[in-house]
Amino acid sequence: MANGAFELDGYEGYWPAVRFGDPWNGWATPVVTGTVLAGLLAHIDGGHRWDGDCAIVWPTADLMPGEPHDPDIEDRISPDIDGQYDLGALGWTFVEHRPR
């Protein structure tokens, strides 16, 4: 699919996608730039850190404030050869943004 925009179910706003991969369980699989990924993670205030150009992401919904996360459930999202990140690896509920 061509470029467009996507939303994350349950969150306000939308972000640009370079392209979309094959759907995962009916959900969109956006591919984004590193800048978009960093902005998305900051917007949702999700658990993450960077290891060079690799984003390490973990769920925070079930954590109490100050509670550490389980390192065994971290997802590593590395850029492809073009420096783009395939968010389908996260298994999150992304949908393509449709202007209203």
C-alpha atoms as a PDB file:
ATOM      1  CA  MET A   1       0.000   0.000   0.000  1.00  0.00           C
ATOM      2  CA  ALA A   2       1.020   3.593  -0.546  1.00  0.00           C
ATOM      3  CA  ASN A   3       1.878   6.105   2.129  1.00  0.00           C
ATOM      4  CA  GLY A   4      -0.840   7.625   4.263  1.00  0.00           C
ATOM      5  CA  ALA A   5      -1.537   8.054   7.943  1.00  0.00           C
ATOM      6  CA  PHE A   6      -2.490   5.848  10.857  1.00  0.00           C
ATOM      7  CA  GLU A   7      -4.110   6.019  14.276  1.00  0.00           C
ATOM      8  CA  LEU A   8      -3.541   3.934  17.390  1.00  0.00           C
ATOM      9  CA  ASP A   9      -6.815   2.600  18.744  1.00  0.00           C
ATOM     10  CA  GLY A  10      -7.654   4.331  22.024  1.00  0.00           C
ATOM     11  CA  TYR A  11      -5.406   7.379  21.485  1.00  0.00           C
ATOM     12  CA  GLU A  12      -6.050  10.820  20.033  1.00  0.00           C
ATOM     13  CA  GLY A  13      -4.183  11.905  16.933  1.00  0.00           C
ATOM     14  CA  TYR A  14      -2.688  10.345  13.865  1.00  0.00           C
ATOM     15  CA  TRP A  15       0.771   9.956  12.383  1.00  0.00           C
ATOM     16  CA  PRO A  16       2.182   9.724   8.846  1.00  0.00           C
ATOM     17  CA  ALA A  17       3.208   6.361   7.433  1.00  0.00           C
ATOM     18  CA  VAL A  18       5.768   5.824   4.700  1.00  0.00           C
ATOM     19  CA  ARG A  19       3.792   2.735   3.677  1.00  0.00           C
ATOM     20  CA  PHE A  20       1.718  -0.108   5.119  1.00  0.00           C
ATOM     21  CA  GLY A  21       2.589  -3.784   5.232  1.00  0.00           C
ATOM     22  CA  ASP A  22       0.127  -6.655   5.124  1.00  0.00           C
ATOM     23  CA  PRO A  23      -2.578  -6.352   7.806  1.00  0.00           C
ATOM     24  CA  TRP A  24      -2.057  -8.251  11.065  1.00  0.00           C
ATOM     25  CA  ASN A  25      -5.270  -9.796  12.448  1.00  0.00           C
ATOM     26  CA  GLY A  26      -7.188  -7.080  10.607  1.00  0.00           C
ATOM     27  CA  TRP A  27      -5.074  -4.234  12.001  1.00  0.00           C
ATOM     28  CA  ALA A  28      -2.879  -1.909   9.948  1.00  0.00           C
ATOM     29  CA  THR A  29       0.901  -2.362   9.968  1.00  0.00           C
ATOM     30  CA  PRO A  30       2.439   1.075   9.357  1.00  0.00           C
ATOM     31  CA  VAL A  31       6.060   1.600   8.397  1.00  0.00           C
ATOM     32  CA  VAL A  32       7.404   4.927   9.675  1.00  0.00           C
ATOM     33  CA  THR A  33      10.488   7.081   9.987  1.00  0.00           C
ATOM     34  CA  GLY A  34      12.453   7.214  13.220  1.00  0.00           C
ATOM     35  CA  THR A  35      11.128  10.718  13.879  1.00  0.00           C
ATOM     36  CA  VAL A  36       7.531   9.500  13.632  1.00  0.00           C
ATOM     37  CA  LEU A  37       8.249   6.514  15.887  1.00  0.00           C
ATOM     38  CA  ALA A  38       9.853   8.762  18.517  1.00  0.00           C
ATOM     39  CA  GLY A  39       6.880  11.138  18.347  1.00  0.00           C
ATOM     40  CA  LEU A  40       4.378   8.300  18.675  1.00  0.00           C
ATOM     41  CA  LEU A  41       6.151   6.838  21.715  1.00  0.00           C
ATOM     42  CA  ALA A  42       6.347  10.259  23.365  1.00  0.00           C
ATOM     43  CA  HIS A  43       2.665  10.955  22.642  1.00  0.00           C
ATOM     44  CA  ILE A  44       1.401   7.742  24.198  1.00  0.00           C
ATOM     45  CA  ASP A  45       3.885   8.023  27.077  1.00  0.00           C
ATOM     46  CA  GLY A  46       4.676   4.349  26.592  1.00  0.00           C
ATOM     47  CA  GLY A  47       7.569   2.424  28.039  1.00  0.00           C
ATOM     48  CA  HIS A  48      10.558   2.649  25.758  1.00  0.00           C
ATOM     49  CA  ARG A  49      14.219   3.408  25.472  1.00  0.00           C
ATOM     50  CA  TRP A  50      16.627   3.708  22.578  1.00  0.00           C
ATOM     51  CA  ASP A  51      19.687   1.553  22.008  1.00  0.00           C
ATOM     52  CA  GLY A  52      21.366   3.410  19.174  1.00  0.00           C
ATOM     53  CA  ASP A  53      18.787   3.445  16.375  1.00  0.00           C
ATOM     54  CA  CYS A  54      16.869   0.483  17.837  1.00  0.00           C
ATOM     55  CA  ALA A  55      13.690   1.276  19.808  1.00  0.00           C
ATOM     56  CA  ILE A  56      13.060  -1.045  22.734  1.00  0.00           C
ATOM     57  CA  VAL A  57       9.377  -0.922  23.661  1.00  0.00           C
ATOM     58  CA  TRP A  58       7.325  -2.545  26.443  1.00  0.00           C
ATOM     59  CA  PRO A  59       3.701  -2.329  27.608  1.00  0.00           C
ATOM     60  CA  THR A  60       2.931  -0.084  30.537  1.00  0.00           C
ATOM     61  CA  ALA A  61      -0.865  -0.383  30.827  1.00  0.00           C
ATOM     62  CA  ASP A  62      -0.748  -2.946  33.648  1.00  0.00           C
ATOM     63  CA  LEU A  63       2.111  -1.362  35.607  1.00  0.00           C
ATOM     64  CA  MET A  64       1.627   0.648  38.780  1.00  0.00           C
ATOM     65  CA  PRO A  65       3.528   3.966  38.918  1.00  0.00           C
ATOM     66  CA  GLY A  66       7.190   3.246  39.616  1.00  0.00           C
ATOM     67  CA  GLU A  67       6.796  -0.502  39.061  1.00  0.00           C
ATOM     68  CA  PRO A  68       9.541  -1.957  36.830  1.00  0.00           C
ATOM     69  CA  HIS A  69       8.626  -3.759  33.633  1.00  0.00           C
ATOM     70  CA  ASP A  70       9.513  -7.341  32.769  1.00  0.00           C
ATOM     71  CA  PRO A  71      12.478  -7.292  30.343  1.00  0.00           C
ATOM     72  CA  ASP A  72      11.214 -10.561  28.827  1.00  0.00           C
ATOM     73  CA  ILE A  73       8.312  -8.728  27.183  1.00  0.00           C
ATOM     74  CA  GLU A  74      10.325  -6.042  25.421  1.00  0.00           C
ATOM     75  CA  ASP A  75       9.984  -5.639  21.661  1.00  0.00           C
ATOM     76  CA  ARG A  76      12.995  -4.459  19.658  1.00  0.00           C
ATOM     77  CA  ILE A  77      12.189  -2.421  16.575  1.00  0.00           C
ATOM     78  CA  SER A  78      15.206  -1.851  14.349  1.00  0.00           C
ATOM     79  CA  PRO A  79      15.230   0.211  11.178  1.00  0.00           C
ATOM     80  CA  ASP A  80      15.371  -1.476   7.794  1.00  0.00           C
ATOM     81  CA  ILE A  81      18.030  -0.671   5.217  1.00  0.00           C
ATOM     82  CA  ASP A  82      16.150   2.554   4.365  1.00  0.00           C
ATOM     83  CA  GLY A  83      16.046   3.658   8.026  1.00  0.00           C
ATOM     84  CA  GLN A  84      12.324   2.934   8.388  1.00  0.00           C
ATOM     85  CA  TYR A  85      10.576   1.097  11.230  1.00  0.00           C
ATOM     86  CA  ASP A  86       7.926  -1.591  10.662  1.00  0.00           C
ATOM     87  CA  LEU A  87       5.456  -1.161  13.521  1.00  0.00           C
ATOM     88  CA  GLY A  88       3.660  -4.395  12.653  1.00  0.00           C
ATOM     89  CA  ALA A  89       6.188  -6.169  14.871  1.00  0.00           C
ATOM     90  CA  LEU A  90       4.578  -4.510  17.904  1.00  0.00           C
ATOM     91  CA  GLY A  91       1.207  -6.202  17.392  1.00  0.00           C
ATOM     92  CA  TRP A  92      -0.606  -3.001  18.381  1.00  0.00           C
ATOM     93  CA  THR A  93      -4.070  -2.009  17.188  1.00  0.00           C
ATOM     94  CA  PHE A  94      -3.251   0.465  14.411  1.00  0.00           C
ATOM     95  CA  VAL A  95      -5.865   1.590  11.901  1.00  0.00           C
ATOM     96  CA  GLU A  96      -5.434   3.590   8.745  1.00  0.00           C
ATOM     97  CA  HIS A  97      -6.462   7.204   9.282  1.00  0.00           C
ATOM     98  CA  ARG A  98      -9.409   8.240   7.147  1.00  0.00           C
ATOM     99  CA  PRO A  99     -10.006  12.008   7.066  1.00  0.00           C
ATOM    100  CA  ARG A 100     -13.535  12.780   8.188  1.00  0.00           C
END
